[in-house]
Each structure stands twice: as C-alpha cells, then as structure tokens.
C-alpha cells in the first residue's frame, strides 16, 4: 500500500484517541457478527455504509497526476511552471484545486482557466481513478466488516455515467469487497446533482438493504444526515479533507483520521 502523509495533519475536530478509535472500529465489526449470526426473522442483515473520496480513498494522487499532465502540456511555453508542477507530490495537494494551483505559482488567469478545465475533465472521469490509494487501514477494515457478515454499501458522490466503471475497478484493485453478494455500489445518476442532496435522498432507502449499524463519511453534513436517519448507528466522520463552510458536527458523531486499528492494550 502506498503510504502518504495524512490529508489533514492538524485535526480540525477532536479525534478519538487511538485506543478509543480501535474500540469503535472493533465494535462495528463485532456488531456485524452478532446481527449476522441471528436468524433473518429475528434480526435484519447488518449494513455498513462507506463514502469513497476522502473516506475510503485518498484522491490526492489523482490530482497530482493531472498536474503532471499539465506540466507536459506547458513544458514548451511555460517551462518554469512546468518544472514546478512536474515535481508536485500528492501530499502537497489541498482540497480545492484552485488553491493548489496558487500554491504552485499558477496565478495567471488564462492558465488557471486552462488548468481548471483540464482538471475537471480528467478528475471526474474513469481512467484517472487508478491513481487513488486507500486511506490507511480502509480495505482491511471494510473486509473485516464484510467477513463478519455485513452488507457493504459504497454510497458515493461520484456519478455513474462518467465514473462508474473506474470506481468499480478502483475498489477491486485496492482490495475492497466489490462485485460479490453483499456489496452494493450506489452512484449519482448525473454529475450535476449535489452530493449532499443525493445522500439525503438515498439514505432512507438503505433500510431496504438491512439494518444500518455504521456509516463513514468525510463531509460533516453527510455525517449529520446519517446520524439523524439512523440514530442508533455509529456515524463516523473521517477528518481528512472536506468542503469549506461545512456545518458543525452534531454531538454523537465520532471523529477519526483513518481506519488503522491499534493493537489491543
């Protein structure tokens, strides 16, 4: 597994201490086992819901690859900027691409416009998804939930027309359960639909799959939506990167930085 510097080295929210984070994650797996072992007529199947970008997957390498493509495009006419972009590392990428461009000296408006157009056409498409890496411990934890009997629902703001095939391949290649009974990949029907609107609309439907016992997302508003919809489930916020202007987390939302489970004390 490629190991990157954390997406957010300075936690914006109080994260659970290591021991408590381990207890939370192990508790989700144990609850999956308990529910899955009960007869269906006694208890519905356990469901664990995962967002992708910024939750299970670190997409900074994707943006980094796109900047390297721009470096090649600009090598002849903007050699100084091209050299700078060619040296960019994933851990130098921030959430908003425009801010990343400013960090690397791309401030001239025509170049900014060109870069943003190129990024948008590439970032939200199938092929560059191969650059994504997993958030530390994510695939192991997802597999543990699946092996414990949970149905995994990947509920993502990615859209089906432009990113469906690449998302499936990325999940498979990174070692997440996908394409087998007990897994579902739920994507937006179109790219223009706001992510939060999509998840607010889809969340109530998850009861058709089984009993949601935990959800994981990197957007505070989505975590609040899941807490309200499933108050007896663990709503877990991944403190990685998120949209600016997010609402505060509701009390009861757990905060972690990754999925690495520390050894038992």
Protein backbone atom coordinates (compact mmCIF):
# COMPACT_ATOMS: atom_id res chain seq x y z
CA UNK A 1 0.00 0.00 0.00
CA UNK A 2 1.24 3.49 -0.87
CA UNK A 3 1.65 5.47 2.36
CA UNK A 4 1.07 9.21 2.13
CA UNK A 5 1.22 11.93 4.70
CA UNK A 6 -2.20 12.43 6.29
CA UNK A 7 -4.63 14.61 4.35
CA UNK A 8 -5.14 16.70 7.45
CA UNK A 9 -2.16 16.68 9.77
CA UNK A 10 -3.76 19.22 12.14
CA UNK A 11 -7.13 17.78 13.16
CA UNK A 12 -9.97 20.25 12.74
CA UNK A 13 -12.16 18.24 15.10
CA UNK A 14 -11.35 16.37 18.32
CA UNK A 15 -10.41 12.90 17.09
CA UNK A 16 -10.90 9.81 19.17
CA UNK A 17 -7.69 8.74 20.92
CA UNK A 18 -6.02 5.67 19.41
CA UNK A 19 -7.44 3.21 21.94
CA UNK A 20 -10.98 4.57 21.58
CA UNK A 21 -10.71 4.56 17.79
CA UNK A 22 -9.73 0.90 17.92
CA UNK A 23 -12.62 0.12 20.25
CA UNK A 24 -15.07 1.89 17.94
CA UNK A 25 -13.91 0.06 14.81
CA UNK A 26 -13.70 -3.32 16.51
CA UNK A 27 -17.14 -2.68 17.99
CA UNK A 28 -18.60 -2.16 14.50
CA UNK A 29 -17.14 -5.50 13.37
CA UNK A 30 -18.43 -7.29 16.47
CA UNK A 31 -21.91 -5.86 15.99
CA UNK A 32 -21.83 -7.10 12.40
CA UNK A 33 -21.03 -10.59 13.68
CA UNK A 34 -23.81 -10.56 16.27
CA UNK A 35 -26.50 -9.43 13.84
CA UNK A 36 -25.31 -11.68 11.02
CA UNK A 37 -25.38 -14.74 13.27
CA UNK A 38 -29.04 -14.20 14.22
CA UNK A 39 -31.81 -15.69 12.09
CA UNK A 40 -33.14 -13.25 9.49
CA UNK A 41 -36.59 -13.41 11.02
CA UNK A 42 -35.07 -12.22 14.31
CA UNK A 43 -32.67 -9.55 13.07
CA UNK A 44 -32.13 -7.92 9.65
CA UNK A 45 -28.76 -8.13 7.95
CA UNK A 46 -26.19 -5.60 9.19
CA UNK A 47 -25.25 -2.82 6.76
CA UNK A 48 -22.12 -0.64 6.82
CA UNK A 49 -22.13 2.45 4.60
CA UNK A 50 -18.95 3.98 3.19
CA UNK A 51 -18.30 7.13 1.21
CA UNK A 52 -15.28 6.90 -1.13
CA UNK A 53 -13.32 10.11 -1.81
CA UNK A 54 -11.71 11.35 1.39
CA UNK A 55 -13.18 8.43 3.34
CA UNK A 56 -12.01 5.08 1.98
CA UNK A 57 -9.82 6.60 -0.73
CA UNK A 58 -7.22 9.33 -0.89
CA UNK A 59 -7.65 11.04 -4.26
CA UNK A 60 -4.68 13.41 -3.97
CA UNK A 61 -2.56 11.18 -6.24
CA UNK A 62 -5.27 11.64 -8.90
CA UNK A 63 -4.96 15.44 -8.77
CA UNK A 64 -1.18 15.11 -8.66
CA UNK A 65 -1.20 13.05 -11.88
CA UNK A 66 -3.37 15.69 -13.52
CA UNK A 67 -0.87 18.40 -12.54
CA UNK A 68 1.89 16.29 -14.08
CA UNK A 69 -0.16 16.14 -17.28
CA UNK A 70 -0.35 19.94 -17.26
CA UNK A 71 3.40 20.06 -16.79
CA UNK A 72 3.84 18.10 -20.01
CA UNK A 73 1.35 20.35 -21.82
CA UNK A 74 3.11 23.54 -20.67
CA UNK A 75 6.70 22.35 -20.96
CA UNK A 76 7.36 24.32 -24.15
CA UNK A 77 5.57 27.62 -23.48
CA UNK A 78 5.73 27.78 -19.66
CA UNK A 79 8.93 25.88 -18.79
CA UNK A 80 9.34 27.33 -15.28
CA UNK A 81 5.80 26.50 -14.21
CA UNK A 82 6.00 23.12 -15.93
CA UNK A 83 9.12 22.20 -13.99
CA UNK A 84 7.41 23.19 -10.74
CA UNK A 85 4.30 21.15 -11.50
CA UNK A 86 6.33 18.13 -12.57
CA UNK A 87 7.79 17.96 -9.04
CA UNK A 88 4.48 18.17 -7.16
CA UNK A 89 3.85 15.39 -4.66
CA UNK A 90 0.41 14.11 -3.60
CA UNK A 91 0.86 15.27 -0.02
CA UNK A 92 1.18 18.87 -1.29
CA UNK A 93 -2.34 18.79 -2.75
CA UNK A 94 -5.15 20.54 -0.86
CA UNK A 95 -8.91 20.05 -1.20
CA UNK A 96 -9.66 22.88 -3.64
CA UNK A 97 -7.71 22.53 -6.89
CA UNK A 98 -7.60 26.28 -7.45
CA UNK A 99 -5.83 26.68 -4.11
CA UNK A 100 -3.34 24.00 -5.09
CA UNK A 101 -2.64 25.88 -8.32
CA UNK A 102 -1.93 29.06 -6.34
CA UNK A 103 0.45 27.16 -4.09
CA UNK A 104 2.46 26.08 -7.12
CA UNK A 105 2.54 29.51 -8.72
CA UNK A 106 -0.24 29.15 -11.29
CA UNK A 107 -1.97 32.53 -10.90
CA UNK A 108 -2.25 33.93 -14.43
CA UNK A 109 -5.96 33.81 -15.24
CA UNK A 110 -5.70 32.18 -18.66
CA UNK A 111 -3.52 29.40 -17.22
CA UNK A 112 -5.79 28.98 -14.21
CA UNK A 113 -8.80 28.64 -16.52
CA UNK A 114 -6.98 26.12 -18.70
CA UNK A 115 -5.82 24.12 -15.68
CA UNK A 116 -9.28 24.05 -14.07
CA UNK A 117 -10.92 22.92 -17.31
CA UNK A 118 -8.35 20.15 -17.74
CA UNK A 119 -8.68 19.07 -14.12
CA UNK A 120 -12.49 18.92 -14.31
CA UNK A 121 -12.46 16.87 -17.49
CA UNK A 122 -9.97 14.40 -16.02
CA UNK A 123 -10.72 14.27 -12.29
CA UNK A 124 -14.36 13.32 -12.84
CA UNK A 125 -13.70 10.50 -15.29
CA UNK A 126 -12.94 6.80 -15.14
CA UNK A 127 -9.30 6.47 -16.20
CA UNK A 128 -7.53 8.68 -13.62
CA UNK A 129 -9.23 6.85 -10.74
CA UNK A 130 -6.46 4.26 -10.98
CA UNK A 131 -4.19 6.75 -9.20
CA UNK A 132 -6.26 6.76 -6.00
CA UNK A 133 -4.90 4.98 -2.93
CA UNK A 134 -6.70 3.74 0.13
CA UNK A 135 -6.85 5.67 3.38
CA UNK A 136 -4.65 3.71 5.85
CA UNK A 137 -6.41 0.60 7.09
CA UNK A 138 -9.54 1.15 4.96
CA UNK A 139 -9.50 -2.04 2.88
CA UNK A 140 -8.66 -4.23 5.86
CA UNK A 141 -11.49 -2.72 7.89
CA UNK A 142 -14.02 -2.98 5.05
CA UNK A 143 -13.03 -6.60 4.52
CA UNK A 144 -13.39 -7.29 8.26
CA UNK A 145 -16.94 -5.91 8.20
CA UNK A 146 -17.76 -7.96 5.12
CA UNK A 147 -16.27 -11.15 6.56
CA UNK A 148 -18.28 -10.52 9.74
CA UNK A 149 -21.47 -10.74 7.69
CA UNK A 150 -22.22 -7.10 6.85
CA UNK A 151 -23.53 -5.87 3.54
CA UNK A 152 -21.23 -3.08 2.38
CA UNK A 153 -22.85 -0.12 0.64
CA UNK A 154 -20.45 2.25 -1.10
CA UNK A 155 -22.57 5.41 -1.26
CA UNK A 156 -20.53 7.95 -3.18
CA UNK A 157 -20.89 11.37 -4.73
CA UNK A 158 -19.25 10.03 -7.88
CA UNK A 159 -21.63 9.70 -10.83
CA UNK A 160 -22.50 6.60 -12.80
CA UNK A 161 -22.08 7.87 -16.41
CA UNK A 162 -18.57 9.30 -16.04
CA UNK A 163 -17.05 7.38 -13.11
CA UNK A 164 -18.95 4.12 -12.67
CA UNK A 165 -16.56 1.74 -14.43
CA UNK A 166 -13.44 3.33 -12.99
CA UNK A 167 -14.87 3.29 -9.48
CA UNK A 168 -15.66 -0.41 -9.67
CA UNK A 169 -12.15 -1.16 -10.96
CA UNK A 170 -10.53 1.04 -8.31
CA UNK A 171 -12.38 -0.66 -5.46
CA UNK A 172 -11.41 -4.05 -6.85
CA UNK A 173 -7.77 -3.17 -7.39
CA UNK A 174 -7.37 -1.64 -3.92
CA UNK A 175 -8.69 -4.79 -2.26
CA UNK A 176 -12.19 -3.72 -1.22
CA UNK A 177 -15.01 -6.27 -1.48
CA UNK A 178 -16.97 -5.44 -4.63
CA UNK A 179 -18.85 -7.33 -7.33
CA UNK A 180 -19.85 -10.11 -4.92
CA UNK A 181 -23.07 -10.81 -2.97
CA UNK A 182 -23.29 -8.48 0.00
CA UNK A 183 -21.81 -5.42 -1.73
CA UNK A 184 -23.55 -2.51 -3.41
CA UNK A 185 -22.12 0.46 -5.28
CA UNK A 186 -24.52 3.42 -5.32
CA UNK A 187 -23.57 6.39 -7.52
CA UNK A 188 -25.25 9.63 -8.53
CA UNK A 189 -27.36 9.37 -11.69
CA UNK A 190 -25.72 12.51 -13.09
CA UNK A 191 -22.67 14.60 -12.22
CA UNK A 192 -24.58 17.86 -11.71
CA UNK A 193 -26.56 16.55 -8.73
CA UNK A 194 -25.14 17.98 -5.46
CA UNK A 195 -23.56 15.26 -3.31
CA UNK A 196 -25.41 16.16 -0.12
CA UNK A 197 -28.76 16.29 -1.91
CA UNK A 198 -28.06 12.85 -3.35
CA UNK A 199 -27.17 11.32 0.00
CA UNK A 200 -30.09 12.94 1.77
CA UNK A 201 -32.35 11.38 -0.87
CA UNK A 202 -30.73 7.93 -0.80
CA UNK A 203 -30.15 7.49 2.95
CA UNK A 204 -33.73 6.44 3.83
CA UNK A 205 -33.64 3.75 1.12
CA UNK A 206 -30.79 1.94 2.86
CA UNK A 207 -33.28 0.34 5.24
CA UNK A 208 -34.34 -1.80 2.27
CA UNK A 209 -30.90 -3.43 2.36
CA UNK A 210 -30.84 -4.20 6.08
CA UNK A 211 -30.09 -2.51 9.39
CA UNK A 212 -27.51 0.27 9.10
CA UNK A 213 -25.14 -0.09 12.02
CA UNK A 214 -22.41 2.33 10.91
CA UNK A 215 -21.70 4.97 8.28
CA UNK A 216 -18.42 6.65 7.37
CA UNK A 217 -18.06 9.96 5.50
CA UNK A 218 -15.63 12.88 5.26
CA UNK A 219 -18.30 15.58 4.93
CA UNK A 220 -19.77 16.86 8.22
CA UNK A 221 -23.19 17.50 6.70
CA UNK A 222 -23.44 13.94 5.42
CA UNK A 223 -22.47 12.58 8.84
CA UNK A 224 -25.22 14.67 10.40
CA UNK A 225 -27.71 13.34 7.83
CA UNK A 226 -26.85 9.75 8.69
CA UNK A 227 -26.97 10.37 12.41
CA UNK A 228 -30.48 11.80 12.07
CA UNK A 229 -31.63 8.99 9.78
CA UNK A 230 -30.06 6.17 11.81
CA UNK A 231 -29.72 7.42 15.40
CA UNK A 232 -28.77 4.00 16.81
CA UNK A 233 -25.97 3.52 14.26
CA UNK A 234 -22.41 4.80 14.56
CA UNK A 235 -21.98 7.90 12.40
CA UNK A 236 -18.24 8.34 11.85
CA UNK A 237 -16.55 11.40 10.39
CA UNK A 238 -13.20 10.96 8.61
CA UNK A 239 -11.21 14.09 9.42
CA UNK A 240 -9.33 14.25 6.13
CA UNK A 241 -10.48 16.99 3.74
CA UNK A 242 -13.93 18.46 3.18
CA UNK A 243 -15.79 21.35 1.59
CA UNK A 244 -15.39 24.78 3.11
CA UNK A 245 -18.32 26.22 5.03
CA UNK A 246 -19.44 22.87 6.39
CA UNK A 247 -21.88 22.89 9.31
CA UNK A 248 -20.62 21.80 12.73
CA UNK A 249 -20.80 18.13 13.56
CA UNK A 250 -23.75 17.09 15.65
CA UNK A 251 -22.96 15.66 19.09
CA UNK A 252 -22.75 11.92 18.76
CA UNK A 253 -20.73 11.85 15.54
CA UNK A 254 -17.42 10.07 16.11
CA UNK A 255 -14.23 11.54 14.59
CA UNK A 256 -11.27 9.52 13.31
CA UNK A 257 -8.37 10.21 10.96
CA UNK A 258 -8.01 6.75 9.38
CA UNK A 259 -9.04 3.12 9.78
CA UNK A 260 -5.89 1.72 11.34
CA UNK A 261 -6.85 -0.37 14.34
CA UNK A 262 -4.24 -0.27 17.11
CA UNK A 263 -3.24 -3.49 18.82
CA UNK A 264 -5.20 -4.44 21.89
CA UNK A 265 -3.65 -2.91 25.05
